[in-house]
Amino acid sequence: MITSIAFTVYPVSNMERARAFYQHVLGLHVSYNYQDVWVEYDLGGSTFAITTTDMGHTPGTKGAVVAFEVSDLDAFVQKMKERAVSFVTETFDTPVCRMAVIEDPDGNHITIHKRHQ
């Protein structure tokens, strides 16, 4: 029986560049670092990881997408624009949420998400 998602991981080509993006641009905090080839960020009961370990996945390959919930979507989007982050999709509304899609330095897509109250 599956009880939860243990982690989501993105392959990256350059750990230093990726960590600068996820930590300094997005503001994530490292919860675990294994020899600078696997870095984890705990987020509200789940874990997001980045790795340079060859796991058969190519950085930037279009596939699954992580969605990070934010408390203020408009403010976060504005901060990303100020930091010259590349936008795949500008902010849009759905019946249950608002979101925008950005890219990390390897081209991995990241959804920035805010559920409707």
C-alpha atoms as a PDB file:
ATOM      1  CA  MET A   1       0.000   0.000   0.000  1.00  0.00           C
ATOM      2  CA  ILE A   2       1.359   3.425  -0.984  1.00  0.00           C
ATOM      3  CA  THR A   3       1.036   5.931   1.839  1.00  0.00           C
ATOM      4  CA  SER A   4       2.784   9.055   0.505  1.00  0.00           C
ATOM      5  CA  ILE A   5       5.325  10.427  -1.960  1.00  0.00           C
ATOM      6  CA  ALA A   6       8.789  10.013  -0.432  1.00  0.00           C
ATOM      7  CA  PHE A   7      10.488  12.610  -2.639  1.00  0.00           C
ATOM      8  CA  THR A   8      10.530  14.297  -6.025  1.00  0.00           C
ATOM      9  CA  VAL A   9      13.935  14.688  -7.714  1.00  0.00           C
ATOM     10  CA  TYR A  10      15.229  16.703 -10.654  1.00  0.00           C
ATOM     11  CA  PRO A  11      18.464  15.822 -12.415  1.00  0.00           C
ATOM     12  CA  VAL A  12      20.779  18.822 -12.815  1.00  0.00           C
ATOM     13  CA  SER A  13      23.972  19.263 -14.808  1.00  0.00           C
ATOM     14  CA  ASN A  14      25.792  21.609 -12.431  1.00  0.00           C
ATOM     15  CA  MET A  15      25.174  21.319  -8.680  1.00  0.00           C
ATOM     16  CA  GLU A  16      26.661  24.704  -7.752  1.00  0.00           C
ATOM     17  CA  ARG A  17      24.515  26.530 -10.316  1.00  0.00           C
ATOM     18  CA  ALA A  18      21.410  24.508  -9.365  1.00  0.00           C
ATOM     19  CA  ARG A  19      21.885  25.119  -5.632  1.00  0.00           C
ATOM     20  CA  ALA A  20      22.316  28.847  -6.262  1.00  0.00           C
ATOM     21  CA  PHE A  21      18.989  28.851  -8.098  1.00  0.00           C
ATOM     22  CA  TYR A  22      16.986  26.724  -5.650  1.00  0.00           C
ATOM     23  CA  GLN A  23      18.445  28.315  -2.509  1.00  0.00           C
ATOM     24  CA  HIS A  24      19.156  31.928  -3.426  1.00  0.00           C
ATOM     25  CA  VAL A  25      16.523  32.547  -6.095  1.00  0.00           C
ATOM     26  CA  LEU A  26      13.646  30.350  -4.855  1.00  0.00           C
ATOM     27  CA  GLY A  27      14.634  30.521  -1.173  1.00  0.00           C
ATOM     28  CA  LEU A  28      14.657  26.790  -0.340  1.00  0.00           C
ATOM     29  CA  HIS A  29      16.699  25.560   2.647  1.00  0.00           C
ATOM     30  CA  VAL A  30      18.888  22.439   2.517  1.00  0.00           C
ATOM     31  CA  SER A  31      17.738  19.645   4.797  1.00  0.00           C
ATOM     32  CA  TYR A  32      20.269  17.025   3.619  1.00  0.00           C
ATOM     33  CA  ASN A  33      23.380  17.066   1.424  1.00  0.00           C
ATOM     34  CA  TYR A  34      25.108  13.868   0.337  1.00  0.00           C
ATOM     35  CA  GLN A  35      28.581  14.676  -1.021  1.00  0.00           C
ATOM     36  CA  ASP A  36      27.225  17.520  -3.186  1.00  0.00           C
ATOM     37  CA  VAL A  37      25.727  15.011  -5.629  1.00  0.00           C
ATOM     38  CA  TRP A  38      22.313  14.714  -3.913  1.00  0.00           C
ATOM     39  CA  VAL A  39      20.753  17.680  -2.093  1.00  0.00           C
ATOM     40  CA  GLU A  40      17.352  17.605  -0.407  1.00  0.00           C
ATOM     41  CA  TYR A  41      14.932  20.343   0.621  1.00  0.00           C
ATOM     42  CA  ASP A  42      12.109  19.397   3.031  1.00  0.00           C
ATOM     43  CA  LEU A  43       8.880  21.206   2.265  1.00  0.00           C
ATOM     44  CA  GLY A  44       5.814  20.767   4.432  1.00  0.00           C
ATOM     45  CA  GLY A  45       5.868  16.996   4.799  1.00  0.00           C
ATOM     46  CA  SER A  46       7.475  16.186   1.447  1.00  0.00           C
ATOM     47  CA  THR A  47      10.977  16.358   0.028  1.00  0.00           C
ATOM     48  CA  PHE A  48      12.297  17.910  -3.177  1.00  0.00           C
ATOM     49  CA  ALA A  49      15.792  16.848  -4.268  1.00  0.00           C
ATOM     50  CA  ILE A  50      18.313  17.727  -6.964  1.00  0.00           C
ATOM     51  CA  THR A  51      21.087  15.441  -8.132  1.00  0.00           C
ATOM     52  CA  THR A  52      24.022  15.243 -10.508  1.00  0.00           C
ATOM     53  CA  THR A  53      24.081  11.455 -10.115  1.00  0.00           C
ATOM     54  CA  ASP A  54      23.391   9.712 -13.418  1.00  0.00           C
ATOM     55  CA  MET A  55      20.091   7.980 -12.740  1.00  0.00           C
ATOM     56  CA  GLY A  56      19.187   7.550 -16.400  1.00  0.00           C
ATOM     57  CA  HIS A  57      17.499  10.960 -16.574  1.00  0.00           C
ATOM     58  CA  THR A  58      18.674  13.966 -18.559  1.00  0.00           C
ATOM     59  CA  PRO A  59      18.566  17.416 -16.935  1.00  0.00           C
ATOM     60  CA  GLY A  60      15.865  19.559 -18.496  1.00  0.00           C
ATOM     61  CA  THR A  61      14.036  16.629 -20.093  1.00  0.00           C
ATOM     62  CA  LYS A  62      10.340  17.419 -20.217  1.00  0.00           C
ATOM     63  CA  GLY A  63       8.415  15.042 -17.991  1.00  0.00           C
ATOM     64  CA  ALA A  64       6.968  15.271 -14.505  1.00  0.00           C
ATOM     65  CA  VAL A  65       6.830  18.747 -12.981  1.00  0.00           C
ATOM     66  CA  VAL A  66       7.122  19.765  -9.345  1.00  0.00           C
ATOM     67  CA  ALA A  67       4.638  22.357  -8.073  1.00  0.00           C
ATOM     68  CA  PHE A  68       5.629  24.518  -5.106  1.00  0.00           C
ATOM     69  CA  GLU A  69       2.767  26.040  -3.076  1.00  0.00           C
ATOM     70  CA  VAL A  70       3.385  29.684  -2.120  1.00  0.00           C
ATOM     71  CA  SER A  71       1.565  31.952   0.311  1.00  0.00           C
ATOM     72  CA  ASP A  72       1.395  34.950  -2.087  1.00  0.00           C
ATOM     73  CA  LEU A  73       1.588  34.054  -5.770  1.00  0.00           C
ATOM     74  CA  ASP A  74       1.731  37.616  -7.104  1.00  0.00           C
ATOM     75  CA  ALA A  75       4.569  38.607  -4.767  1.00  0.00           C
ATOM     76  CA  PHE A  76       6.534  35.438  -5.557  1.00  0.00           C
ATOM     77  CA  VAL A  77       6.080  35.884  -9.322  1.00  0.00           C
ATOM     78  CA  GLN A  78       7.241  39.495  -9.023  1.00  0.00           C
ATOM     79  CA  LYS A  79      10.335  38.374  -7.095  1.00  0.00           C
ATOM     80  CA  MET A  80      11.134  35.801  -9.807  1.00  0.00           C
ATOM     81  CA  LYS A  81      10.812  38.462 -12.513  1.00  0.00           C
ATOM     82  CA  GLU A  82      13.111  40.781 -10.561  1.00  0.00           C
ATOM     83  CA  ARG A  83      15.620  37.928 -10.411  1.00  0.00           C
ATOM     84  CA  ALA A  84      15.364  37.400 -14.200  1.00  0.00           C
ATOM     85  CA  VAL A  85      13.964  33.871 -13.895  1.00  0.00           C
ATOM     86  CA  SER A  86      12.737  32.450 -17.202  1.00  0.00           C
ATOM     87  CA  PHE A  87       8.938  32.045 -17.397  1.00  0.00           C
ATOM     88  CA  VAL A  88       7.436  29.212 -19.440  1.00  0.00           C
ATOM     89  CA  THR A  89       3.865  30.315 -18.651  1.00  0.00           C
ATOM     90  CA  GLU A  90       2.718  33.573 -17.090  1.00  0.00           C
ATOM     91  CA  THR A  91       0.236  33.501 -14.208  1.00  0.00           C
ATOM     92  CA  PHE A  92      -3.134  31.972 -15.065  1.00  0.00           C
ATOM     93  CA  ASP A  93      -6.260  30.878 -13.218  1.00  0.00           C
ATOM     94  CA  THR A  94      -7.981  27.512 -12.983  1.00  0.00           C
ATOM     95  CA  PRO A  95     -11.157  26.653 -11.065  1.00  0.00           C
ATOM     96  CA  VAL A  96      -9.081  25.499  -8.053  1.00  0.00           C
ATOM     97  CA  CYS A  97      -5.879  27.575  -8.184  1.00  0.00           C
ATOM     98  CA  ARG A  98      -3.646  30.199  -9.770  1.00  0.00           C
ATOM     99  CA  MET A  99      -0.203  29.312 -11.079  1.00  0.00           C
ATOM    100  CA  ALA A 100       2.760  30.202 -13.255  1.00  0.00           C
ATOM    101  CA  VAL A 101       5.534  28.004 -14.657  1.00  0.00           C
ATOM    102  CA  ILE A 102       9.236  28.901 -14.515  1.00  0.00           C
ATOM    103  CA  GLU A 103      12.452  27.107 -15.504  1.00  0.00           C
ATOM    104  CA  ASP A 104      15.569  26.273 -13.521  1.00  0.00           C
ATOM    105  CA  PRO A 105      18.992  26.742 -15.173  1.00  0.00           C
ATOM    106  CA  ASP A 106      18.747  23.254 -16.785  1.00  0.00           C
ATOM    107  CA  GLY A 107      15.294  23.900 -18.221  1.00  0.00           C
ATOM    108  CA  ASN A 108      13.398  21.799 -15.654  1.00  0.00           C
ATOM    109  CA  HIS A 109       9.891  23.237 -15.297  1.00  0.00           C
ATOM    110  CA  ILE A 110       8.696  24.388 -11.865  1.00  0.00           C
ATOM    111  CA  THR A 111       5.088  25.306 -11.211  1.00  0.00           C
ATOM    112  CA  ILE A 112       4.548  28.091  -8.685  1.00  0.00           C
ATOM    113  CA  HIS A 113       1.102  27.418  -7.263  1.00  0.00           C
ATOM    114  CA  LYS A 114      -1.534  29.003  -4.993  1.00  0.00           C
ATOM    115  CA  ARG A 115      -4.767  27.215  -4.138  1.00  0.00           C
ATOM    116  CA  HIS A 116      -7.934  29.346  -4.050  1.00  0.00           C
ATOM    117  CA  GLN A 117      -9.112  29.952  -0.506  1.00  0.00           C
END
